[in-house]
Amino acid sequence: MKISAIIPARYGSARFEGKPLADILGKPMIQYVYEGISQSKLIDEVIVATDDQRIIEAVKSFGGKAIMTSPTHFTGTDRVAEVAKKLKSEIIVNVQGDEPLIKGNIIDKAIRPLLTDESLQMATLMTRIEQVRDWLNPHIVKVVVDQKNFALYFSRSPIPFPRNLKIGRLESNPFGTNRPLPKRVFKHIGVYVFRRKFLLHFTKMKPTPLEKLEKLEQLRALENGYRIKVNPVDYEPLSVDTPEDLQKVTTYLSHPQ
């Protein structure tokens, strides 16, 4: 069973133009993502799907593979699907290009459920939320799962919500509270594993009401009745959305734990 990982990498960005090529200690960010994925024991090939020749050249310069895609795609998933149409791989892994710390062993944990359960069409990852400020942050996507770790819902809101929790107290002092969060409070990690046929079907589905409301593509699958397996991992994602985030990553890599 051939498995391909595709990194959607768009040059234009309202908050951070040219983000995939942003320098981190002498290497473009896209190289960190590519090399991290390449550590996987299950993935057979890694491909960057981009809309810009500068990214193509950067990937080629470090020996990677990149394919030019349409500049008109609205989402990274659509960009991934364009490349997947031309592949024979049975499983496609969509790894965001703004995750420079991602590693292959983490991605493998998202892939394995599809190798053992033929009925599964889609899988992703989650990790525990430890900080109240992360739980309250609408930029951090939360996920609620059932007892077998299938997604019940994804949201930007703080879910699940303990009935007796005094939210006003947390909002007034979210950084100083010592109140522990429940154990089953998780943030979503943006790695998606699809069966290729389902990915192509998924991108042809119309955006659904909850998807449009929350601006979360994965809700399209749930709203159409598909299950999403969500494997827990011990990994703290550090995504790069702004130049300030880039500085955090640079600082982290400059002072390894």
Protein backbone atom coordinates (compact mmCIF):
# COMPACT_ATOMS: atom_id res chain seq x y z
CA MET A 1 0.00 0.00 0.00
CA LYS A 2 1.74 3.16 -1.19
CA ILE A 3 1.48 6.22 1.05
CA SER A 4 2.23 9.76 -0.13
CA ALA A 5 2.55 12.86 2.01
CA ILE A 6 1.66 16.15 0.36
CA ILE A 7 2.50 19.55 1.86
CA PRO A 8 0.30 22.39 0.56
CA ALA A 9 2.50 25.50 0.43
CA ARG A 10 0.98 28.77 -0.78
CA TYR A 11 3.24 31.80 -1.19
CA GLY A 12 0.61 34.47 -0.67
CA SER A 13 -0.72 35.07 2.83
CA ALA A 14 -2.54 38.02 4.32
CA ARG A 15 -0.70 37.72 7.63
CA PHE A 16 2.67 36.39 6.45
CA GLU A 17 3.51 36.52 2.75
CA GLY A 18 6.16 34.05 1.63
CA LYS A 19 5.80 32.05 4.84
CA PRO A 20 7.05 28.70 3.43
CA LEU A 21 10.37 30.35 2.56
CA ALA A 22 10.80 32.10 5.91
CA ASP A 23 14.32 31.56 7.21
CA ILE A 24 14.80 29.50 10.36
CA LEU A 25 18.46 29.22 11.34
CA GLY A 26 19.61 29.20 7.72
CA LYS A 27 16.93 26.93 6.23
CA PRO A 28 13.51 27.73 4.75
CA MET A 29 10.60 26.59 6.92
CA ILE A 30 9.32 24.26 4.20
CA GLN A 31 12.57 22.29 4.48
CA TYR A 32 11.99 21.63 8.19
CA VAL A 33 8.51 20.30 7.42
CA TYR A 34 9.77 18.17 4.53
CA GLU A 35 12.63 16.68 6.53
CA GLY A 36 10.40 15.99 9.53
CA ILE A 37 7.90 14.08 7.39
CA SER A 38 10.73 12.18 5.70
CA GLN A 39 11.54 10.55 9.06
CA SER A 40 8.29 8.58 8.79
CA LYS A 41 8.59 4.80 8.60
CA LEU A 42 5.34 4.48 6.66
CA ILE A 43 5.42 7.27 4.06
CA ASP A 44 6.90 6.37 0.68
CA GLU A 45 7.22 9.84 -0.82
CA VAL A 46 6.93 13.49 0.18
CA ILE A 47 5.68 16.12 -2.28
CA VAL A 48 5.27 19.88 -1.90
CA ALA A 49 2.20 21.23 -3.71
CA THR A 50 2.64 24.92 -4.37
CA ASP A 51 1.49 27.84 -6.51
CA ASP A 52 4.81 29.65 -6.78
CA GLN A 53 8.03 29.01 -8.68
CA ARG A 54 10.13 30.38 -5.81
CA ILE A 55 8.91 27.57 -3.57
CA ILE A 56 9.56 25.04 -6.35
CA GLU A 57 13.17 26.21 -6.60
CA ALA A 58 13.68 26.22 -2.83
CA VAL A 59 12.44 22.63 -2.52
CA LYS A 60 14.60 21.47 -5.41
CA SER A 61 17.63 23.14 -3.81
CA PHE A 62 17.50 20.76 -0.83
CA GLY A 63 16.71 17.71 -2.95
CA GLY A 64 12.94 17.64 -2.42
CA LYS A 65 10.09 17.09 -4.84
CA ALA A 66 7.63 19.87 -5.65
CA ILE A 67 4.71 20.17 -8.07
CA MET A 68 3.12 23.35 -9.38
CA THR A 69 -0.63 23.59 -8.76
CA SER A 70 -3.42 26.01 -9.61
CA PRO A 71 -3.30 29.43 -7.92
CA THR A 72 -7.09 29.46 -7.61
CA HIS A 73 -7.53 26.86 -4.83
CA PHE A 74 -9.44 28.11 -1.80
CA THR A 75 -7.99 25.53 0.62
CA GLY A 76 -4.87 23.47 1.16
CA THR A 77 -6.96 20.31 0.89
CA ASP A 78 -8.01 21.29 -2.64
CA ARG A 79 -4.35 21.82 -3.52
CA VAL A 80 -3.46 18.41 -2.10
CA ALA A 81 -6.28 16.78 -4.04
CA GLU A 82 -5.01 18.23 -7.34
CA VAL A 83 -1.72 16.40 -6.84
CA ALA A 84 -3.38 13.25 -5.46
CA LYS A 85 -5.43 12.87 -8.65
CA LYS A 86 -2.20 12.11 -10.53
CA LEU A 87 -0.89 9.59 -7.99
CA LYS A 88 -1.55 5.88 -7.56
CA SER A 89 -1.05 5.99 -3.81
CA GLU A 90 -3.88 4.49 -1.77
CA ILE A 91 -3.34 6.77 1.22
CA ILE A 92 -2.67 10.51 1.13
CA VAL A 93 -1.32 12.44 4.12
CA ASN A 94 -1.95 16.18 4.21
CA VAL A 95 0.63 17.90 6.42
CA GLN A 96 0.42 21.65 6.85
CA GLY A 97 3.44 23.61 5.65
CA ASP A 98 3.52 25.76 8.79
CA GLU A 99 4.43 22.93 11.20
CA PRO A 100 8.26 23.06 11.22
CA LEU A 101 8.56 20.87 14.34
CA ILE A 102 6.45 17.96 13.06
CA LYS A 103 8.18 14.55 13.03
CA GLY A 104 7.59 11.33 11.16
CA ASN A 105 6.81 9.22 14.22
CA ILE A 106 3.96 11.60 15.09
CA ILE A 107 2.51 11.40 11.58
CA ASP A 108 2.77 7.60 11.61
CA LYS A 109 0.34 7.50 14.53
CA ALA A 110 -2.27 9.16 12.33
CA ILE A 111 -1.66 6.72 9.48
CA ARG A 112 -1.80 3.42 11.38
CA PRO A 113 -5.58 3.35 12.01
CA LEU A 114 -6.21 3.27 8.24
CA LEU A 115 -3.82 0.34 7.90
CA THR A 116 -5.75 -1.76 10.42
CA ASP A 117 -9.36 -0.70 9.71
CA GLU A 118 -10.43 -0.82 6.07
CA SER A 119 -13.69 1.00 6.85
CA LEU A 120 -11.87 4.15 7.95
CA GLN A 121 -11.65 6.92 5.38
CA MET A 122 -10.00 9.69 7.39
CA ALA A 123 -7.85 10.14 10.50
CA THR A 124 -6.08 12.93 12.34
CA LEU A 125 -4.34 13.72 15.66
CA MET A 126 -4.95 15.42 18.98
CA THR A 127 -2.99 16.29 22.10
CA ARG A 128 -4.04 17.28 25.59
CA ILE A 129 -4.61 20.93 26.42
CA GLU A 130 -2.77 21.80 29.61
CA GLN A 131 -3.19 25.58 29.73
CA VAL A 132 -6.50 27.36 30.30
CA ARG A 133 -5.42 30.16 27.96
CA ASP A 134 -5.11 27.61 25.11
CA TRP A 135 -8.55 26.21 25.91
CA LEU A 136 -10.04 29.72 25.68
CA ASN A 137 -8.08 30.69 22.54
CA PRO A 138 -10.34 30.64 19.42
CA HIS A 139 -7.27 30.20 17.20
CA ILE A 140 -6.63 26.79 18.79
CA VAL A 141 -9.07 24.18 17.53
CA LYS A 142 -10.51 21.84 20.13
CA VAL A 143 -11.87 18.35 19.48
CA VAL A 144 -14.25 16.16 21.47
CA VAL A 145 -14.09 12.39 20.89
CA ASP A 146 -16.09 9.34 21.91
CA GLN A 147 -14.73 6.44 23.96
CA LYS A 148 -13.10 4.92 20.88
CA ASN A 149 -11.46 8.22 19.87
CA PHE A 150 -13.78 9.01 16.98
CA ALA A 151 -14.46 12.71 16.58
CA LEU A 152 -17.78 14.00 17.87
CA TYR A 153 -17.08 17.65 17.09
CA PHE A 154 -14.34 20.17 16.34
CA SER A 155 -14.68 23.78 17.50
CA ARG A 156 -12.87 27.01 18.16
CA SER A 157 -14.87 27.31 21.37
CA PRO A 158 -13.71 25.84 24.70
CA ILE A 159 -15.16 22.32 24.57
CA PRO A 160 -16.10 20.22 26.42
CA PHE A 161 -17.38 22.75 28.94
CA PRO A 162 -17.61 21.74 32.63
CA ARG A 163 -21.01 22.92 33.88
CA ASN A 164 -19.71 24.14 37.25
CA LEU A 165 -16.73 26.05 35.86
CA LYS A 166 -16.75 29.81 36.56
CA ILE A 167 -15.88 31.09 33.10
CA GLY A 168 -15.92 34.75 34.15
CA ARG A 169 -13.13 34.15 36.60
CA LEU A 170 -11.02 32.44 33.94
CA GLU A 171 -11.61 35.17 31.35
CA SER A 172 -10.54 37.87 33.79
CA ASN A 173 -7.36 36.03 34.73
CA PRO A 174 -6.69 33.17 32.27
CA PHE A 175 -2.92 33.25 32.76
CA GLY A 176 -2.98 33.11 36.55
CA THR A 177 -5.51 30.41 37.24
CA ASN A 178 -4.27 27.17 38.79
CA ARG A 179 -7.49 25.30 38.19
CA PRO A 180 -6.71 22.07 36.28
CA LEU A 181 -8.53 21.29 33.07
CA PRO A 182 -10.40 18.00 32.72
CA LYS A 183 -8.26 15.16 31.36
CA ARG A 184 -10.31 14.76 28.19
CA VAL A 185 -9.73 18.26 26.84
CA PHE A 186 -7.82 18.08 23.55
CA LYS A 187 -6.49 20.38 20.86
CA HIS A 188 -6.53 19.27 17.25
CA ILE A 189 -3.27 18.83 15.33
CA GLY A 190 -3.61 19.67 11.63
CA VAL A 191 -2.38 16.41 10.09
CA TYR A 192 -4.98 14.63 7.95
CA VAL A 193 -4.80 11.12 6.54
CA PHE A 194 -7.22 10.21 3.74
CA ARG A 195 -7.86 7.25 1.57
CA ARG A 196 -7.18 8.71 -1.85
CA LYS A 197 -10.64 7.98 -3.24
CA PHE A 198 -12.29 9.60 -0.25
CA LEU A 199 -10.08 12.70 -0.50
CA LEU A 200 -11.17 13.25 -4.09
CA HIS A 201 -14.79 12.72 -3.07
CA PHE A 202 -14.40 15.03 -0.06
CA THR A 203 -13.17 17.96 -2.14
CA LYS A 204 -16.21 17.65 -4.41
CA MET A 205 -18.63 17.94 -1.48
CA LYS A 206 -20.22 21.31 -0.92
CA PRO A 207 -19.10 23.21 2.22
CA THR A 208 -21.51 22.44 5.05
CA PRO A 209 -23.24 24.83 7.49
CA LEU A 210 -21.09 24.08 10.53
CA GLU A 211 -17.93 24.08 8.42
CA LYS A 212 -18.75 27.58 7.16
CA LEU A 213 -19.66 28.77 10.64
CA GLU A 214 -16.49 27.54 12.38
CA LYS A 215 -14.23 27.78 9.29
CA LEU A 216 -13.13 24.18 9.88
CA GLU A 217 -13.03 21.86 6.84
CA GLN A 218 -13.06 18.64 8.87
CA LEU A 219 -16.63 19.36 9.96
CA ARG A 220 -17.68 18.70 6.36
CA ALA A 221 -16.85 15.03 6.85
CA LEU A 222 -18.76 14.80 10.15
CA GLU A 223 -21.79 16.63 8.77
CA ASN A 224 -21.93 14.14 5.91
CA GLY A 225 -21.87 11.19 8.30
CA TYR A 226 -18.23 10.07 7.94
CA ARG A 227 -16.18 9.00 10.95
CA ILE A 228 -12.81 10.58 11.73
CA LYS A 229 -10.39 8.64 13.91
CA VAL A 230 -8.43 10.98 16.19
CA ASN A 231 -5.30 9.45 17.71
CA PRO A 232 -3.82 11.05 20.86
CA VAL A 233 -0.12 11.95 20.76
CA ASP A 234 2.36 13.54 23.11
CA TYR A 235 3.30 16.49 20.93
CA GLU A 236 2.97 20.22 21.40
CA PRO A 237 2.38 21.81 17.98
CA LEU A 238 4.02 25.16 17.30
CA SER A 239 2.46 26.43 14.09
CA VAL A 240 3.72 29.52 12.29
CA ASP A 241 0.96 31.97 11.33
CA THR A 242 2.80 35.24 11.97
CA PRO A 243 6.40 36.56 12.12
CA GLU A 244 6.03 36.44 15.92
CA ASP A 245 5.34 32.71 15.72
CA LEU A 246 8.44 32.30 13.57
CA GLN A 247 10.52 33.90 16.30
CA LYS A 248 9.12 31.44 18.85
CA VAL A 249 10.16 28.52 16.67
CA THR A 250 13.62 29.99 16.11
CA THR A 251 14.06 30.47 19.85
CA TYR A 252 12.91 26.91 20.54
CA LEU A 253 15.29 25.39 18.00
CA SER A 254 18.16 27.56 19.24
CA HIS A 255 17.74 26.21 22.76
CA PRO A 256 16.80 22.50 22.40
CA GLN A 257 15.35 20.86 25.49
